[in-house]
Amino acid sequence: MAYNQKLLLYLSRIAEVYPIGHTKYAPGTIASLIAVIIGYILLINFNLKFYLIFLFCFIVVSYILCEAHIKLHNIKDPKELVVDEFSGQFISILACVQSEKINYVFLSLISSFILFRFFDITKVGLIKKLENLPNGIGIMADDIAAGLYAFIIQVVILTSFNQPMIIENLWN
């Protein structure tokens, strides 16, 4: 196996978040659930500016990983490719509630997960069009848009109930 093929294989495995992408049932949902946990741990242990820098870098690296996976397997958007779910879910949890009451935080994280999965699976509105973009751009763009849709819905809900959000720390 040539060096380039080996590199593509390693990058492809990372894009699959191996072995998550090869689980028999709902690999995207499992990846999103793990992303909620990882993202929340990052949010509570680091400041929001660090998280946003991490998120930007993660999206860029994820795009590169998706391109490598496509180049190796020559499939448009395979189900085992789940790194894109992480990106979208990391965006969605930015609107989670900031509270001392753990049940509020838990409910907020669950709603973030459910909203992101809803938009990622149904691909309503602009999300469907973004999915049709070529290669890694299309793979990443639909999940980023689903994360943004979920983020916006959560902001509207939490604002209407006058609840503080994690994202508000950015402006404090």
N, C-alpha and C. Protein backbone atom coordinates (compact mmCIF):
# COMPACT_ATOMS: atom_id res chain seq x y z
N MET A 1 0.85 -1.18 0.00
CA MET A 1 0.00 0.00 0.00
C MET A 1 0.89 1.24 0.00
N ALA A 2 0.62 2.16 -0.90
CA ALA A 2 1.41 3.38 -1.03
C ALA A 2 1.21 4.27 0.18
N TYR A 3 2.19 5.15 0.38
CA TYR A 3 2.14 6.07 1.52
C TYR A 3 0.86 6.91 1.49
N ASN A 4 0.49 7.44 0.33
CA ASN A 4 -0.72 8.27 0.24
C ASN A 4 -1.97 7.48 0.60
N GLN A 5 -2.03 6.22 0.19
CA GLN A 5 -3.18 5.38 0.52
C GLN A 5 -3.25 5.12 2.03
N LYS A 6 -2.10 4.88 2.65
CA LYS A 6 -2.08 4.66 4.10
C LYS A 6 -2.53 5.91 4.84
N LEU A 7 -2.04 7.07 4.41
CA LEU A 7 -2.46 8.32 5.03
C LEU A 7 -3.96 8.53 4.88
N LEU A 8 -4.48 8.30 3.67
CA LEU A 8 -5.92 8.43 3.45
C LEU A 8 -6.70 7.46 4.33
N LEU A 9 -6.18 6.25 4.50
CA LEU A 9 -6.86 5.27 5.35
C LEU A 9 -6.90 5.74 6.80
N TYR A 10 -5.80 6.28 7.31
CA TYR A 10 -5.78 6.79 8.68
C TYR A 10 -6.73 7.98 8.84
N LEU A 11 -6.69 8.89 7.89
CA LEU A 11 -7.60 10.05 7.95
C LEU A 11 -9.05 9.61 7.85
N SER A 12 -9.30 8.61 7.03
CA SER A 12 -10.65 8.08 6.88
C SER A 12 -11.16 7.48 8.19
N ARG A 13 -10.31 6.74 8.88
CA ARG A 13 -10.70 6.16 10.17
C ARG A 13 -11.00 7.24 11.21
N ILE A 14 -10.23 8.31 11.17
CA ILE A 14 -10.50 9.43 12.08
C ILE A 14 -11.83 10.07 11.72
N ALA A 15 -12.12 10.22 10.42
CA ALA A 15 -13.40 10.80 9.98
C ALA A 15 -14.58 9.93 10.41
N GLU A 16 -14.35 8.65 10.51
CA GLU A 16 -15.39 7.72 10.96
C GLU A 16 -15.50 7.71 12.49
N VAL A 17 -14.59 8.41 13.16
CA VAL A 17 -14.45 8.36 14.61
C VAL A 17 -14.53 6.88 15.01
N TYR A 18 -13.67 6.13 14.35
CA TYR A 18 -13.66 4.68 14.48
C TYR A 18 -13.58 4.26 15.94
N PRO A 19 -14.42 3.40 16.37
CA PRO A 19 -15.37 2.52 15.70
C PRO A 19 -16.81 3.03 15.65
N ILE A 20 -17.05 4.28 16.10
CA ILE A 20 -18.42 4.79 16.17
C ILE A 20 -19.12 4.73 14.81
N GLY A 21 -18.43 5.12 13.76
CA GLY A 21 -19.03 5.12 12.43
C GLY A 21 -19.42 3.75 11.92
N HIS A 22 -18.88 2.72 12.54
CA HIS A 22 -19.18 1.35 12.10
C HIS A 22 -20.14 0.62 13.03
N THR A 23 -20.76 1.35 13.96
CA THR A 23 -21.76 0.70 14.80
C THR A 23 -22.95 0.30 13.94
N LYS A 24 -23.60 -0.76 14.34
CA LYS A 24 -24.68 -1.33 13.53
C LYS A 24 -25.91 -0.42 13.48
N TYR A 25 -26.22 0.22 14.59
CA TYR A 25 -27.44 1.02 14.68
C TYR A 25 -27.11 2.49 14.95
N ALA A 26 -27.63 3.38 14.13
CA ALA A 26 -27.61 4.83 14.32
C ALA A 26 -26.23 5.41 14.66
N PRO A 27 -25.24 5.24 13.80
CA PRO A 27 -23.92 5.79 14.11
C PRO A 27 -23.93 7.31 14.25
N GLY A 28 -24.75 8.01 13.46
CA GLY A 28 -24.83 9.47 13.57
C GLY A 28 -25.40 9.92 14.90
N THR A 29 -26.40 9.21 15.38
CA THR A 29 -27.02 9.54 16.66
C THR A 29 -26.05 9.27 17.81
N ILE A 30 -25.34 8.16 17.74
CA ILE A 30 -24.36 7.85 18.78
C ILE A 30 -23.25 8.90 18.79
N ALA A 31 -22.79 9.28 17.59
CA ALA A 31 -21.75 10.32 17.50
C ALA A 31 -22.25 11.63 18.09
N SER A 32 -23.50 12.00 17.81
CA SER A 32 -24.06 13.24 18.34
C SER A 32 -24.16 13.20 19.86
N LEU A 33 -24.55 12.07 20.39
CA LEU A 33 -24.66 11.93 21.85
C LEU A 33 -23.29 12.07 22.52
N ILE A 34 -22.29 11.45 21.94
CA ILE A 34 -20.93 11.58 22.47
C ILE A 34 -20.44 13.02 22.33
N ALA A 35 -20.81 13.67 21.23
CA ALA A 35 -20.41 15.07 21.02
C ALA A 35 -21.03 15.99 22.07
N VAL A 36 -22.27 15.71 22.48
CA VAL A 36 -22.90 16.51 23.54
C VAL A 36 -22.06 16.43 24.81
N ILE A 37 -21.66 15.24 25.15
CA ILE A 37 -20.88 15.04 26.38
C ILE A 37 -19.52 15.73 26.29
N ILE A 38 -18.80 15.48 25.20
CA ILE A 38 -17.48 16.09 25.02
C ILE A 38 -17.59 17.61 24.96
N GLY A 39 -18.54 18.10 24.17
CA GLY A 39 -18.71 19.55 24.03
C GLY A 39 -19.04 20.23 25.34
N TYR A 40 -19.92 19.62 26.12
CA TYR A 40 -20.28 20.22 27.40
C TYR A 40 -19.10 20.23 28.37
N ILE A 41 -18.33 19.15 28.38
CA ILE A 41 -17.14 19.11 29.23
C ILE A 41 -16.17 20.21 28.83
N LEU A 42 -15.99 20.41 27.53
CA LEU A 42 -15.12 21.49 27.06
C LEU A 42 -15.66 22.86 27.47
N LEU A 43 -16.98 23.05 27.31
CA LEU A 43 -17.58 24.34 27.66
C LEU A 43 -17.45 24.69 29.13
N ILE A 44 -17.60 23.72 30.01
CA ILE A 44 -17.54 24.05 31.44
C ILE A 44 -16.11 24.13 31.96
N ASN A 45 -15.15 23.56 31.22
CA ASN A 45 -13.77 23.59 31.68
C ASN A 45 -12.90 24.66 31.02
N PHE A 46 -13.36 25.21 29.94
CA PHE A 46 -12.61 26.26 29.24
C PHE A 46 -13.52 27.44 28.98
N ASN A 47 -12.92 28.58 28.71
CA ASN A 47 -13.79 29.73 28.43
C ASN A 47 -14.36 29.62 27.02
N LEU A 48 -15.37 30.42 26.78
CA LEU A 48 -16.12 30.34 25.53
C LEU A 48 -15.27 30.73 24.33
N LYS A 49 -14.37 31.68 24.49
CA LYS A 49 -13.51 32.07 23.37
C LYS A 49 -12.63 30.91 22.93
N PHE A 50 -12.09 30.15 23.89
CA PHE A 50 -11.31 28.96 23.56
C PHE A 50 -12.19 27.96 22.82
N TYR A 51 -13.42 27.77 23.29
CA TYR A 51 -14.33 26.82 22.66
C TYR A 51 -14.62 27.21 21.22
N LEU A 52 -14.84 28.48 20.98
CA LEU A 52 -15.13 28.94 19.62
C LEU A 52 -13.92 28.74 18.69
N ILE A 53 -12.73 28.97 19.20
CA ILE A 53 -11.52 28.71 18.41
C ILE A 53 -11.40 27.21 18.14
N PHE A 54 -11.62 26.40 19.18
CA PHE A 54 -11.61 24.95 19.02
C PHE A 54 -12.63 24.53 17.96
N LEU A 55 -13.84 25.08 18.03
CA LEU A 55 -14.91 24.73 17.10
C LEU A 55 -14.51 25.05 15.66
N PHE A 56 -13.96 26.23 15.45
CA PHE A 56 -13.53 26.61 14.10
C PHE A 56 -12.47 25.64 13.58
N CYS A 57 -11.46 25.37 14.40
CA CYS A 57 -10.38 24.44 14.00
C CYS A 57 -10.94 23.04 13.76
N PHE A 58 -11.87 22.62 14.61
CA PHE A 58 -12.46 21.29 14.46
C PHE A 58 -13.21 21.18 13.14
N ILE A 59 -13.93 22.22 12.76
CA ILE A 59 -14.68 22.20 11.50
C ILE A 59 -13.72 22.13 10.31
N VAL A 60 -12.65 22.89 10.35
CA VAL A 60 -11.66 22.87 9.26
C VAL A 60 -11.03 21.48 9.15
N VAL A 61 -10.60 20.93 10.26
CA VAL A 61 -9.98 19.59 10.25
C VAL A 61 -11.00 18.54 9.80
N SER A 62 -12.23 18.66 10.25
CA SER A 62 -13.28 17.71 9.86
C SER A 62 -13.51 17.74 8.36
N TYR A 63 -13.48 18.91 7.78
CA TYR A 63 -13.62 19.03 6.32
C TYR A 63 -12.50 18.27 5.61
N ILE A 64 -11.28 18.44 6.08
CA ILE A 64 -10.13 17.74 5.50
C ILE A 64 -10.30 16.23 5.64
N LEU A 65 -10.77 15.79 6.80
CA LEU A 65 -11.00 14.36 7.03
C LEU A 65 -12.09 13.81 6.09
N CYS A 66 -13.14 14.59 5.90
CA CYS A 66 -14.22 14.17 4.99
C CYS A 66 -13.70 14.05 3.56
N GLU A 67 -12.89 14.99 3.14
CA GLU A 67 -12.31 14.94 1.79
C GLU A 67 -11.45 13.69 1.63
N ALA A 68 -10.66 13.36 2.64
CA ALA A 68 -9.82 12.16 2.59
C ALA A 68 -10.68 10.90 2.48
N HIS A 69 -11.76 10.86 3.26
CA HIS A 69 -12.65 9.70 3.25
C HIS A 69 -13.28 9.54 1.86
N ILE A 70 -13.74 10.63 1.29
CA ILE A 70 -14.36 10.58 -0.04
C ILE A 70 -13.34 10.13 -1.09
N LYS A 71 -12.14 10.65 -1.00
CA LYS A 71 -11.10 10.29 -1.96
C LYS A 71 -10.76 8.80 -1.87
N LEU A 72 -10.74 8.26 -0.67
CA LEU A 72 -10.39 6.85 -0.48
C LEU A 72 -11.53 5.93 -0.91
N HIS A 73 -12.77 6.25 -0.54
CA HIS A 73 -13.90 5.34 -0.76
C HIS A 73 -14.76 5.71 -1.96
N ASN A 74 -14.63 6.92 -2.47
CA ASN A 74 -15.39 7.38 -3.64
C ASN A 74 -16.91 7.23 -3.45
N ILE A 75 -17.38 7.59 -2.25
CA ILE A 75 -18.81 7.58 -1.92
C ILE A 75 -19.18 8.99 -1.46
N LYS A 76 -20.33 9.51 -1.92
CA LYS A 76 -20.70 10.91 -1.65
C LYS A 76 -20.84 11.23 -0.16
N ASP A 77 -21.69 10.54 0.57
CA ASP A 77 -21.88 10.82 2.00
C ASP A 77 -22.20 9.52 2.74
N PRO A 78 -21.18 8.70 2.97
CA PRO A 78 -21.43 7.40 3.60
C PRO A 78 -21.86 7.54 5.06
N LYS A 79 -22.67 6.59 5.52
CA LYS A 79 -23.19 6.66 6.89
C LYS A 79 -22.12 6.48 7.94
N GLU A 80 -21.02 5.84 7.60
CA GLU A 80 -19.96 5.64 8.59
C GLU A 80 -19.15 6.90 8.86
N LEU A 81 -19.32 7.91 8.03
CA LEU A 81 -18.63 9.19 8.20
C LEU A 81 -19.41 10.02 9.22
N VAL A 82 -18.90 10.14 10.45
CA VAL A 82 -19.66 10.78 11.53
C VAL A 82 -18.98 12.00 12.15
N VAL A 83 -17.81 12.36 11.67
CA VAL A 83 -17.13 13.52 12.25
C VAL A 83 -17.95 14.79 12.04
N ASP A 84 -18.74 14.82 10.99
CA ASP A 84 -19.60 15.98 10.71
C ASP A 84 -20.68 16.16 11.77
N GLU A 85 -21.16 15.04 12.33
CA GLU A 85 -22.15 15.13 13.42
C GLU A 85 -21.57 15.83 14.64
N PHE A 86 -20.31 15.58 14.91
CA PHE A 86 -19.64 16.25 16.03
C PHE A 86 -19.66 17.76 15.82
N SER A 87 -19.33 18.21 14.63
CA SER A 87 -19.29 19.64 14.34
C SER A 87 -20.64 20.30 14.57
N GLY A 88 -21.68 19.71 14.00
CA GLY A 88 -23.02 20.29 14.16
C GLY A 88 -23.49 20.29 15.60
N GLN A 89 -23.22 19.21 16.31
CA GLN A 89 -23.64 19.12 17.71
C GLN A 89 -22.87 20.10 18.58
N PHE A 90 -21.58 20.28 18.29
CA PHE A 90 -20.77 21.25 19.04
C PHE A 90 -21.34 22.67 18.88
N ILE A 91 -21.90 22.97 17.72
CA ILE A 91 -22.54 24.28 17.50
C ILE A 91 -23.83 24.36 18.31
N SER A 92 -24.63 23.34 18.24
CA SER A 92 -25.93 23.32 18.90
C SER A 92 -25.85 23.53 20.40
N ILE A 93 -24.85 22.96 21.06
CA ILE A 93 -24.80 23.06 22.52
C ILE A 93 -24.36 24.44 23.01
N LEU A 94 -23.96 25.30 22.10
CA LEU A 94 -23.60 26.66 22.51
C LEU A 94 -24.78 27.41 23.14
N ALA A 95 -25.99 27.01 22.79
CA ALA A 95 -27.17 27.69 23.33
C ALA A 95 -27.70 27.04 24.60
N CYS A 96 -26.98 26.11 25.16
CA CYS A 96 -27.46 25.45 26.38
C CYS A 96 -27.55 26.43 27.54
N VAL A 97 -28.45 26.14 28.43
CA VAL A 97 -28.69 26.99 29.58
C VAL A 97 -27.48 26.94 30.54
N GLN A 98 -27.23 28.08 31.16
CA GLN A 98 -26.21 28.14 32.20
C GLN A 98 -26.93 28.31 33.52
N SER A 99 -26.86 27.29 34.35
CA SER A 99 -27.63 27.30 35.59
C SER A 99 -26.93 26.45 36.64
N GLU A 100 -27.19 26.79 37.88
CA GLU A 100 -26.70 25.98 39.00
C GLU A 100 -27.56 24.73 39.17
N LYS A 101 -28.75 24.75 38.61
CA LYS A 101 -29.67 23.62 38.71
C LYS A 101 -29.35 22.61 37.62
N ILE A 102 -28.84 21.47 38.01
CA ILE A 102 -28.37 20.46 37.07
C ILE A 102 -29.48 19.94 36.17
N ASN A 103 -30.73 19.91 36.69
CA ASN A 103 -31.82 19.43 35.85
C ASN A 103 -32.09 20.38 34.68
N TYR A 104 -31.91 21.69 34.86
CA TYR A 104 -32.05 22.65 33.76
C TYR A 104 -30.98 22.41 32.71
N VAL A 105 -29.76 22.21 33.17
CA VAL A 105 -28.65 21.97 32.26
C VAL A 105 -28.88 20.67 31.49
N PHE A 106 -29.28 19.62 32.20
CA PHE A 106 -29.54 18.33 31.56
C PHE A 106 -30.63 18.45 30.50
N LEU A 107 -31.73 19.10 30.85
CA LEU A 107 -32.82 19.28 29.88
C LEU A 107 -32.37 20.10 28.68
N SER A 108 -31.54 21.08 28.93
CA SER A 108 -31.03 21.91 27.85
C SER A 108 -30.13 21.11 26.91
N LEU A 109 -29.29 20.26 27.47
CA LEU A 109 -28.42 19.42 26.65
C LEU A 109 -29.24 18.40 25.85
N ILE A 110 -30.25 17.85 26.47
CA ILE A 110 -31.13 16.90 25.78
C ILE A 110 -31.87 17.59 24.64
N SER A 111 -32.38 18.79 24.89
CA SER A 111 -33.08 19.51 23.82
C SER A 111 -32.12 19.88 22.69
N SER A 112 -30.89 20.20 23.03
CA SER A 112 -29.88 20.49 22.02
C SER A 112 -29.66 19.26 21.14
N PHE A 113 -29.54 18.11 21.77
CA PHE A 113 -29.34 16.86 21.05
C PHE A 113 -30.53 16.54 20.15
N ILE A 114 -31.74 16.64 20.71
CA ILE A 114 -32.95 16.30 19.95
C ILE A 114 -33.15 17.26 18.78
N LEU A 115 -32.98 18.54 19.02
CA LEU A 115 -33.15 19.51 17.94
C LEU A 115 -32.12 19.31 16.83
N PHE A 116 -30.87 19.08 17.22
CA PHE A 116 -29.85 18.86 16.19
C PHE A 116 -30.17 17.61 15.37
N ARG A 117 -30.50 16.52 16.05
CA ARG A 117 -30.81 15.28 15.32
C ARG A 117 -32.03 15.46 14.42
N PHE A 118 -33.04 16.20 14.91
CA PHE A 118 -34.23 16.45 14.10
C PHE A 118 -33.85 17.16 12.80
N PHE A 119 -33.10 18.24 12.91
CA PHE A 119 -32.74 18.99 11.72
C PHE A 119 -31.76 18.22 10.83
N ASP A 120 -30.87 17.46 11.44
CA ASP A 120 -29.91 16.68 10.66
C ASP A 120 -30.59 15.55 9.89
N ILE A 121 -31.58 14.93 10.49
CA ILE A 121 -32.27 13.82 9.83
C ILE A 121 -33.29 14.31 8.81
N THR A 122 -34.09 15.32 9.18
CA THR A 122 -35.16 15.78 8.27
C THR A 122 -34.63 16.66 7.15
N LYS A 123 -33.54 17.35 7.39
CA LYS A 123 -32.91 18.22 6.39
C LYS A 123 -33.92 19.23 5.80
N VAL A 124 -34.61 19.92 6.67
CA VAL A 124 -35.61 20.90 6.24
C VAL A 124 -34.95 22.17 5.70
N GLY A 125 -35.66 22.82 4.81
CA GLY A 125 -35.23 24.12 4.29
C GLY A 125 -33.88 24.09 3.60
N LEU A 126 -33.06 25.03 3.98
CA LEU A 126 -31.74 25.23 3.38
C LEU A 126 -30.81 24.03 3.59
N ILE A 127 -31.03 23.27 4.62
CA ILE A 127 -30.14 22.14 4.96
C ILE A 127 -30.07 21.16 3.79
N LYS A 128 -31.19 20.84 3.17
CA LYS A 128 -31.22 19.90 2.04
C LYS A 128 -30.39 20.43 0.88
N LYS A 129 -30.49 21.72 0.61
CA LYS A 129 -29.72 22.31 -0.49
C LYS A 129 -28.22 22.27 -0.19
N LEU A 130 -27.86 22.52 1.06
CA LEU A 130 -26.45 22.50 1.43
C LEU A 130 -25.86 21.10 1.32
N GLU A 131 -26.67 20.09 1.60
CA GLU A 131 -26.21 18.71 1.50
C GLU A 131 -25.78 18.37 0.07
N ASN A 132 -26.37 19.05 -0.90
CA ASN A 132 -26.07 18.76 -2.29
C ASN A 132 -24.82 19.46 -2.81
N LEU A 133 -24.18 20.24 -1.97
CA LEU A 133 -22.90 20.84 -2.37
C LEU A 133 -21.88 19.72 -2.56
N PRO A 134 -20.86 19.96 -3.36
CA PRO A 134 -19.92 18.87 -3.67
C PRO A 134 -19.02 18.47 -2.51
N ASN A 135 -18.73 17.17 -2.47
CA ASN A 135 -17.71 16.57 -1.60
C ASN A 135 -17.83 16.94 -0.13
N GLY A 136 -16.71 17.26 0.49
CA GLY A 136 -16.66 17.54 1.92
C GLY A 136 -17.43 18.77 2.33
N ILE A 137 -17.56 19.72 1.42
CA ILE A 137 -18.35 20.93 1.72
C ILE A 137 -19.79 20.55 2.01
N GLY A 138 -20.39 19.71 1.16
CA GLY A 138 -21.77 19.29 1.36
C GLY A 138 -21.96 18.46 2.61
N ILE A 139 -20.98 17.59 2.88
CA ILE A 139 -21.05 16.74 4.07
C ILE A 139 -21.04 17.59 5.33
N MET A 140 -20.16 18.58 5.36
CA MET A 140 -20.04 19.44 6.54
C MET A 140 -21.14 20.49 6.62
N ALA A 141 -21.49 21.09 5.49
CA ALA A 141 -22.42 22.23 5.49
C ALA A 141 -23.80 21.87 6.04
N ASP A 142 -24.32 20.69 5.71
CA ASP A 142 -25.66 20.36 6.19
C ASP A 142 -25.67 20.17 7.71
N ASP A 143 -24.60 19.62 8.26
CA ASP A 143 -24.55 19.44 9.72
C ASP A 143 -24.30 20.76 10.44
N ILE A 144 -23.51 21.62 9.84
CA ILE A 144 -23.30 22.96 10.42
C ILE A 144 -24.62 23.72 10.43
N ALA A 145 -25.35 23.64 9.32
CA ALA A 145 -26.66 24.32 9.25
C ALA A 145 -27.64 23.72 10.25
N ALA A 146 -27.66 22.40 10.40
CA ALA A 146 -28.54 21.75 11.37
C ALA A 146 -28.19 22.21 12.78
N GLY A 147 -26.89 22.33 13.06
CA GLY A 147 -26.45 22.84 14.36
C GLY A 147 -26.88 24.28 14.59
N LEU A 148 -26.79 25.09 13.54
CA LEU A 148 -27.21 26.49 13.65
C LEU A 148 -28.73 26.60 13.84
N TYR A 149 -29.50 25.81 13.11
CA TYR A 149 -30.95 25.80 13.29
C TYR A 149 -31.29 25.44 14.74
N ALA A 150 -30.67 24.37 15.26
CA ALA A 150 -30.94 23.94 16.64
C ALA A 150 -30.53 25.03 17.62
N PHE A 151 -29.40 25.67 17.35
CA PHE A 151 -28.92 26.77 18.20
C PHE A 151 -29.95 27.90 18.24
N ILE A 152 -30.44 28.31 17.08
CA ILE A 152 -31.39 29.43 16.99
C ILE A 152 -32.69 29.09 17.73
N ILE A 153 -33.21 27.90 17.53
CA ILE A 153 -34.44 27.49 18.22
C ILE A 153 -34.25 27.53 19.73
N GLN A 154 -33.11 27.04 20.20
CA GLN A 154 -32.84 27.05 21.65
C GLN A 154 -32.72 28.47 22.18
N VAL A 155 -32.06 29.34 21.43
CA VAL A 155 -31.93 30.73 21.87
C VAL A 155 -33.30 31.37 22.00
N VAL A 156 -34.17 31.13 21.04
CA VAL A 156 -35.52 31.69 21.09
C VAL A 156 -36.27 31.16 22.31
N ILE A 157 -36.20 29.87 22.54
CA ILE A 157 -36.90 29.27 23.68
C ILE A 157 -36.35 29.79 25.00
N LEU A 158 -35.04 29.75 25.17
CA LEU A 158 -34.44 30.17 26.44
C LEU A 158 -34.62 31.67 26.68
N THR A 159 -34.56 32.46 25.63
CA THR A 159 -34.77 33.90 25.78
C THR A 159 -36.21 34.18 26.20
N SER A 160 -37.16 33.44 25.64
CA SER A 160 -38.56 33.67 26.00
C SER A 160 -38.84 33.30 27.45
N PHE A 161 -38.04 32.39 28.02
CA PHE A 161 -38.18 32.02 29.42
C PHE A 161 -37.17 32.76 30.31
N ASN A 162 -36.47 33.71 29.71
CA ASN A 162 -35.51 34.55 30.43
C ASN A 162 -34.44 33.71 31.14
N GLN A 163 -33.92 32.70 30.46
CA GLN A 163 -32.89 31.83 31.00
C GLN A 163 -31.51 32.23 30.49
N PRO A 164 -30.50 32.24 31.34
CA PRO A 164 -29.14 32.58 30.89
C PRO A 164 -28.53 31.43 30.08
N MET A 165 -27.81 31.78 29.02
CA MET A 165 -27.19 30.77 28.17
C MET A 165 -25.67 30.85 28.29
N ILE A 166 -25.02 29.75 28.00
CA ILE A 166 -23.57 29.69 28.04
C ILE A 166 -22.97 30.72 27.09
N ILE A 167 -23.56 30.89 25.92
CA ILE A 167 -23.03 31.80 24.90
C ILE A 167 -22.98 33.24 25.40
N GLU A 168 -23.81 33.59 26.37
CA GLU A 168 -23.82 34.96 26.91
C GLU A 168 -22.51 35.33 27.55
N ASN A 169 -21.72 34.34 27.99
CA ASN A 169 -20.41 34.62 28.59
C ASN A 169 -19.48 35.33 27.62
N LEU A 170 -19.70 35.15 26.34
CA LEU A 170 -18.83 35.77 25.33
C LEU A 170 -18.86 37.28 25.44
N TRP A 171 -20.02 37.83 25.76
CA TRP A 171 -20.18 39.28 25.81
C TRP A 171 -20.00 39.86 27.21
N ASN A 172 -19.76 39.03 28.19
CA ASN A 172 -19.56 39.51 29.57
C ASN A 172 -18.11 39.79 29.85
